[in-house]
Amino acid sequence: MTKALVKLQQLRSEKGATAVEYGLMVALIAIVIIAAVLLLGSNLSTLFNTVAKSV
């Protein structure tokens, strides 16, 4: 009976789920970075151009 329980616990391993969760977190972070660059990119570009022209 204990051998069957050990095999059942091995089948219920959550290593794959952890990898999927990390993948989702990386994707979410990438989306946030892309959104921030798109939203702030033009504002920063005009700011740097203004500073460069004044120098």
N, C-alpha and C. Protein backbone atom coordinates (compact mmCIF):
# COMPACT_ATOMS: atom_id res chain seq x y z
N MET A 1 0.82 -1.20 0.00
CA MET A 1 0.00 0.00 0.00
C MET A 1 0.86 1.26 0.00
N THR A 2 1.96 1.25 0.73
CA THR A 2 2.80 2.45 0.78
C THR A 2 3.50 2.70 -0.55
N LYS A 3 3.81 1.63 -1.29
CA LYS A 3 4.44 1.83 -2.60
C LYS A 3 3.48 2.54 -3.55
N ALA A 4 2.21 2.21 -3.45
CA ALA A 4 1.22 2.86 -4.29
C ALA A 4 1.09 4.34 -3.94
N LEU A 5 1.17 4.67 -2.66
CA LEU A 5 1.09 6.08 -2.24
C LEU A 5 2.29 6.87 -2.72
N VAL A 6 3.46 6.25 -2.66
CA VAL A 6 4.68 6.92 -3.13
C VAL A 6 4.58 7.21 -4.62
N LYS A 7 4.12 6.24 -5.39
CA LYS A 7 3.98 6.45 -6.83
C LYS A 7 2.94 7.52 -7.12
N LEU A 8 1.87 7.55 -6.35
CA LEU A 8 0.84 8.57 -6.53
C LEU A 8 1.39 9.96 -6.24
N GLN A 9 2.20 10.08 -5.22
CA GLN A 9 2.80 11.38 -4.89
C GLN A 9 3.78 11.82 -5.97
N GLN A 10 4.49 10.87 -6.57
CA GLN A 10 5.42 11.22 -7.64
C GLN A 10 4.66 11.71 -8.87
N LEU A 11 3.50 11.15 -9.12
CA LEU A 11 2.70 11.58 -10.27
C LEU A 11 2.12 12.98 -10.05
N ARG A 12 1.92 13.36 -8.82
CA ARG A 12 1.33 14.66 -8.51
C ARG A 12 2.39 15.74 -8.33
N SER A 13 3.57 15.54 -8.86
CA SER A 13 4.65 16.52 -8.75
C SER A 13 4.22 17.83 -9.40
N GLU A 14 4.58 18.94 -8.79
CA GLU A 14 4.16 20.25 -9.28
C GLU A 14 5.30 21.03 -9.91
N LYS A 15 6.34 20.37 -10.36
CA LYS A 15 7.46 21.07 -10.98
C LYS A 15 7.04 21.75 -12.28
N GLY A 16 6.22 21.08 -13.06
CA GLY A 16 5.76 21.67 -14.31
C GLY A 16 4.90 22.89 -14.08
N ALA A 17 4.07 22.86 -13.08
CA ALA A 17 3.21 24.00 -12.77
C ALA A 17 4.04 25.20 -12.36
N THR A 18 5.10 24.96 -11.64
CA THR A 18 5.96 26.05 -11.22
C THR A 18 6.61 26.71 -12.43
N ALA A 19 7.05 25.92 -13.38
CA ALA A 19 7.66 26.48 -14.59
C ALA A 19 6.66 27.32 -15.37
N VAL A 20 5.43 26.86 -15.43
CA VAL A 20 4.40 27.62 -16.13
C VAL A 20 4.13 28.93 -15.40
N GLU A 21 4.10 28.89 -14.10
CA GLU A 21 3.87 30.13 -13.33
C GLU A 21 4.99 31.12 -13.54
N TYR A 22 6.23 30.65 -13.56
CA TYR A 22 7.35 31.56 -13.83
C TYR A 22 7.25 32.13 -15.24
N GLY A 23 6.85 31.32 -16.18
CA GLY A 23 6.69 31.81 -17.55
C GLY A 23 5.64 32.89 -17.65
N LEU A 24 4.54 32.71 -16.94
CA LEU A 24 3.49 33.73 -16.93
C LEU A 24 3.97 35.02 -16.28
N MET A 25 4.73 34.91 -15.21
CA MET A 25 5.25 36.12 -14.55
C MET A 25 6.21 36.86 -15.47
N VAL A 26 7.07 36.14 -16.17
CA VAL A 26 8.02 36.79 -17.09
C VAL A 26 7.26 37.47 -18.21
N ALA A 27 6.23 36.82 -18.74
CA ALA A 27 5.43 37.43 -19.80
C ALA A 27 4.74 38.70 -19.31
N LEU A 28 4.20 38.66 -18.10
CA LEU A 28 3.53 39.84 -17.55
C LEU A 28 4.51 40.99 -17.35
N ILE A 29 5.68 40.69 -16.85
CA ILE A 29 6.71 41.73 -16.66
C ILE A 29 7.11 42.33 -18.00
N ALA A 30 7.26 41.48 -19.02
CA ALA A 30 7.62 41.98 -20.35
C ALA A 30 6.53 42.89 -20.90
N ILE A 31 5.27 42.53 -20.69
CA ILE A 31 4.16 43.37 -21.18
C ILE A 31 4.17 44.71 -20.47
N VAL A 32 4.43 44.73 -19.18
CA VAL A 32 4.48 45.99 -18.43
C VAL A 32 5.62 46.86 -18.92
N ILE A 33 6.77 46.26 -19.19
CA ILE A 33 7.93 47.04 -19.67
C ILE A 33 7.63 47.61 -21.05
N ILE A 34 7.04 46.82 -21.93
CA ILE A 34 6.72 47.31 -23.27
C ILE A 34 5.71 48.45 -23.20
N ALA A 35 4.71 48.30 -22.34
CA ALA A 35 3.71 49.36 -22.21
C ALA A 35 4.34 50.64 -21.67
N ALA A 36 5.23 50.51 -20.71
CA ALA A 36 5.89 51.69 -20.15
C ALA A 36 6.75 52.39 -21.19
N VAL A 37 7.46 51.62 -21.98
CA VAL A 37 8.31 52.21 -23.02
C VAL A 37 7.46 52.91 -24.07
N LEU A 38 6.35 52.30 -24.45
CA LEU A 38 5.49 52.92 -25.45
C LEU A 38 4.85 54.20 -24.93
N LEU A 39 4.44 54.20 -23.66
CA LEU A 39 3.78 55.38 -23.10
C LEU A 39 4.76 56.50 -22.80
N LEU A 40 5.93 56.16 -22.31
CA LEU A 40 6.89 57.19 -21.91
C LEU A 40 7.93 57.50 -22.97
N GLY A 41 8.01 56.69 -23.99
CA GLY A 41 9.05 56.84 -25.00
C GLY A 41 9.03 58.18 -25.70
N SER A 42 7.88 58.59 -26.17
CA SER A 42 7.81 59.86 -26.91
C SER A 42 8.05 61.05 -25.99
N ASN A 43 7.56 60.98 -24.76
CA ASN A 43 7.78 62.08 -23.81
C ASN A 43 9.27 62.21 -23.48
N LEU A 44 9.93 61.10 -23.27
CA LEU A 44 11.36 61.16 -22.97
C LEU A 44 12.16 61.62 -24.18
N SER A 45 11.74 61.23 -25.35
CA SER A 45 12.43 61.66 -26.56
C SER A 45 12.37 63.17 -26.73
N THR A 46 11.19 63.75 -26.54
CA THR A 46 11.08 65.21 -26.66
C THR A 46 11.86 65.91 -25.55
N LEU A 47 11.87 65.35 -24.36
CA LEU A 47 12.63 65.94 -23.26
C LEU A 47 14.12 65.94 -23.57
N PHE A 48 14.64 64.81 -24.06
CA PHE A 48 16.07 64.72 -24.38
C PHE A 48 16.41 65.64 -25.55
N ASN A 49 15.53 65.77 -26.52
CA ASN A 49 15.79 66.66 -27.64
C ASN A 49 15.82 68.12 -27.19
N THR A 50 14.92 68.49 -26.28
CA THR A 50 14.91 69.85 -25.74
C THR A 50 16.19 70.16 -24.97
N VAL A 51 16.62 69.19 -24.16
CA VAL A 51 17.86 69.39 -23.40
C VAL A 51 19.06 69.45 -24.34
N ALA A 52 19.06 68.61 -25.37
CA ALA A 52 20.19 68.61 -26.32
C ALA A 52 20.25 69.92 -27.08
N LYS A 53 19.11 70.48 -27.44
CA LYS A 53 19.11 71.75 -28.18
C LYS A 53 19.57 72.90 -27.30
N SER A 54 19.23 72.83 -26.01
CA SER A 54 19.64 73.93 -25.12
C SER A 54 21.11 73.86 -24.78
N VAL A 55 21.71 72.72 -24.90
CA VAL A 55 23.16 72.58 -24.62
C VAL A 55 23.88 72.99 -25.86
